[in-house]
Amino acid sequence: MQYQSTLGKDELVDLALNKYFAQVDAKNLDAVLDCFHDNAMITVQTAFTTHVGKEGIKRMFVDFMDSYKTIIHRDFTCTVDENNGRITACFTAELEDHDGGKVLLENTNFWRIRDDKFQEVYIYMSGANPLL
C-alpha cells in the first residue's frame, strides 16, 4: 500500500534520526511513540517478529529500554525517497546491558511514512533480535 507523506527530504531524515533514534537512545518513550501512527507496525525481518499498534510497539520499547543500560545508534547512512514518503537508514547499534555485556549490531531500517509519522517499519539486524 502506498501512503501519502507531508514531509520533505530533510524532515524525513529529521524524523528518523532526531525524533526517533535520538529519543530511543535517550529512552524517551513518549517521544518515540509519538513518531508512530496508532495502527503502525514494526517488523524485524531477520527474526520473523512483528509488533502491531501503538500498544504492541510500546510494550516492545519498554522491554528494550529496560533491558539495556545504554543504547547508542550511530554512523547513519540515509537514503530518502521524498516523493513516496520513504526513508532507509543503515547504522551501527551499540547496546550495553546492566551487567556490562555489550552487543554491536549493523542494522538497516526501512520506513514507510503516512502524513508525518511512521506507518510501517522494517528492520534487518546483523545479530540476535533485542526487540522482543
Protein backbone atom coordinates (compact mmCIF):
# COMPACT_ATOMS: atom_id res chain seq x y z
CA MET A 1 0.00 0.00 0.00
CA GLN A 2 1.22 3.49 -0.78
CA TYR A 3 0.80 6.24 1.78
CA GLN A 4 0.93 9.98 1.29
CA SER A 5 3.58 11.86 3.24
CA THR A 6 3.66 15.55 4.06
CA LEU A 7 7.41 15.54 4.78
CA GLY A 8 10.27 16.72 2.61
CA LYS A 9 13.73 15.14 2.46
CA ASP A 10 15.20 17.00 5.43
CA GLU A 11 12.07 16.40 7.50
CA LEU A 12 12.17 12.66 6.76
CA VAL A 13 15.79 12.48 7.91
CA ASP A 14 14.91 14.53 11.00
CA LEU A 15 12.04 12.18 11.83
CA ALA A 16 14.26 9.10 11.59
CA LEU A 17 17.43 10.39 13.23
CA ASN A 18 16.36 13.08 15.69
CA LYS A 19 12.75 12.42 16.58
CA TYR A 20 13.14 8.64 16.60
CA PHE A 21 16.69 7.31 17.11
CA ALA A 22 17.88 10.14 19.37
CA GLN A 23 14.81 9.60 21.55
CA VAL A 24 15.31 5.82 21.63
CA ASP A 25 18.89 6.44 22.81
CA ALA A 26 17.60 8.88 25.46
CA LYS A 27 14.94 6.32 26.49
CA ASN A 28 12.25 8.94 25.99
CA LEU A 29 9.38 6.51 25.40
CA ASP A 30 6.65 9.14 24.85
CA ALA A 31 8.68 10.92 22.17
CA VAL A 32 9.47 7.61 20.45
CA LEU A 33 5.81 6.56 20.41
CA ASP A 34 4.83 9.96 19.04
CA CYS A 35 6.65 9.01 15.83
CA PHE A 36 4.10 6.23 15.13
CA HIS A 37 0.51 6.14 13.94
CA ASP A 38 -1.89 4.31 16.26
CA ASN A 39 -2.12 1.34 13.88
CA ALA A 40 1.56 1.29 12.86
CA MET A 41 3.66 -1.85 12.76
CA ILE A 42 7.30 -2.80 13.24
CA THR A 43 8.62 -5.98 11.65
CA VAL A 44 12.06 -7.37 12.43
CA GLN A 45 12.55 -9.17 9.13
CA THR A 46 15.59 -11.15 10.27
CA ALA A 47 13.76 -12.51 13.35
CA PHE A 48 10.26 -13.05 11.91
CA THR A 49 8.65 -10.85 14.59
CA THR A 50 6.03 -8.15 14.20
CA HIS A 51 4.70 -5.63 16.72
CA VAL A 52 1.35 -4.10 15.78
CA GLY A 53 -0.33 -0.92 17.00
CA LYS A 54 0.97 1.60 19.50
CA GLU A 55 0.34 -0.73 22.44
CA GLY A 56 2.37 -3.55 20.88
CA ILE A 57 5.12 -1.15 19.88
CA LYS A 58 5.08 0.42 23.35
CA ARG A 59 5.49 -2.96 25.04
CA MET A 60 8.43 -3.78 22.75
CA PHE A 61 10.16 -0.47 23.55
CA VAL A 62 9.53 -0.72 27.31
CA ASP A 63 11.18 -4.15 27.34
CA PHE A 64 14.05 -2.97 25.10
CA MET A 65 14.76 0.18 27.11
CA ASP A 66 14.56 -1.69 30.42
CA SER A 67 16.98 -4.38 29.18
CA TYR A 68 19.85 -2.03 28.34
CA LYS A 69 21.73 0.49 30.44
CA THR A 70 23.00 2.24 27.31
CA ILE A 71 21.56 2.37 23.79
CA ILE A 72 23.51 4.15 21.04
CA HIS A 73 22.65 4.37 17.35
CA ARG A 74 25.43 5.91 15.22
CA ASP A 75 27.15 6.17 11.83
CA PHE A 76 23.98 6.63 9.79
CA THR A 77 23.73 6.45 6.03
CA CYS A 78 20.26 7.51 4.89
CA THR A 79 18.57 7.16 1.54
CA VAL A 80 15.36 9.13 1.04
CA ASP A 81 12.51 8.74 -1.42
CA GLU A 82 10.82 12.07 -0.80
CA ASN A 83 8.17 11.59 -3.49
CA ASN A 84 6.88 8.40 -1.89
CA GLY A 85 7.46 9.21 1.80
CA ARG A 86 10.07 6.54 2.41
CA ILE A 87 13.45 6.53 4.10
CA THR A 88 16.05 3.92 4.88
CA ALA A 89 18.98 4.12 7.29
CA CYS A 90 21.98 1.85 7.64
CA PHE A 91 23.67 2.26 11.03
CA THR A 92 25.54 0.74 13.95
CA ALA A 93 23.69 -0.04 17.17
CA GLU A 94 25.69 -0.36 20.41
CA LEU A 95 23.89 -1.84 23.40
CA GLU A 96 25.21 -2.30 26.94
CA ASP A 97 23.22 -4.36 29.39
CA HIS A 98 23.08 -3.75 33.14
CA ASP A 99 25.85 -6.30 33.78
CA GLY A 100 28.28 -4.59 31.38
CA GLY A 101 27.70 -7.00 28.50
CA LYS A 102 27.90 -5.37 25.09
CA VAL A 103 26.19 -6.04 21.78
CA LEU A 104 27.24 -4.46 18.48
CA LEU A 105 24.83 -4.67 15.54
CA GLU A 106 24.94 -3.46 11.95
CA ASN A 107 21.32 -2.76 11.03
CA THR A 108 19.16 -1.31 8.31
CA ASN A 109 15.70 0.17 8.85
CA PHE A 110 13.14 0.90 6.16
CA TRP A 111 10.26 3.26 6.98
CA ARG A 112 7.01 3.96 5.17
CA ILE A 113 5.63 7.32 6.25
CA ARG A 114 1.95 8.28 6.29
CA ASP A 115 1.39 12.02 6.69
CA ASP A 116 4.19 12.85 9.15
CA LYS A 117 4.59 9.61 11.15
CA PHE A 118 5.76 6.02 10.73
CA GLN A 119 3.15 3.63 9.39
CA GLU A 120 5.42 0.66 8.69
CA VAL A 121 8.96 -0.08 9.85
CA TYR A 122 11.04 -2.99 8.56
CA ILE A 123 14.25 -3.83 10.41
CA TYR A 124 17.14 -6.03 9.33
CA MET A 125 19.68 -6.91 12.07
CA SER A 126 23.13 -8.47 11.87
CA GLY A 127 22.69 -10.39 15.12
CA ALA A 128 20.16 -11.59 17.68
CA ASN A 129 16.97 -9.55 17.94
CA PRO A 130 16.80 -7.42 21.14
CA LEU A 131 13.33 -6.11 20.14
CA LEU A 132 11.24 -8.95 21.50
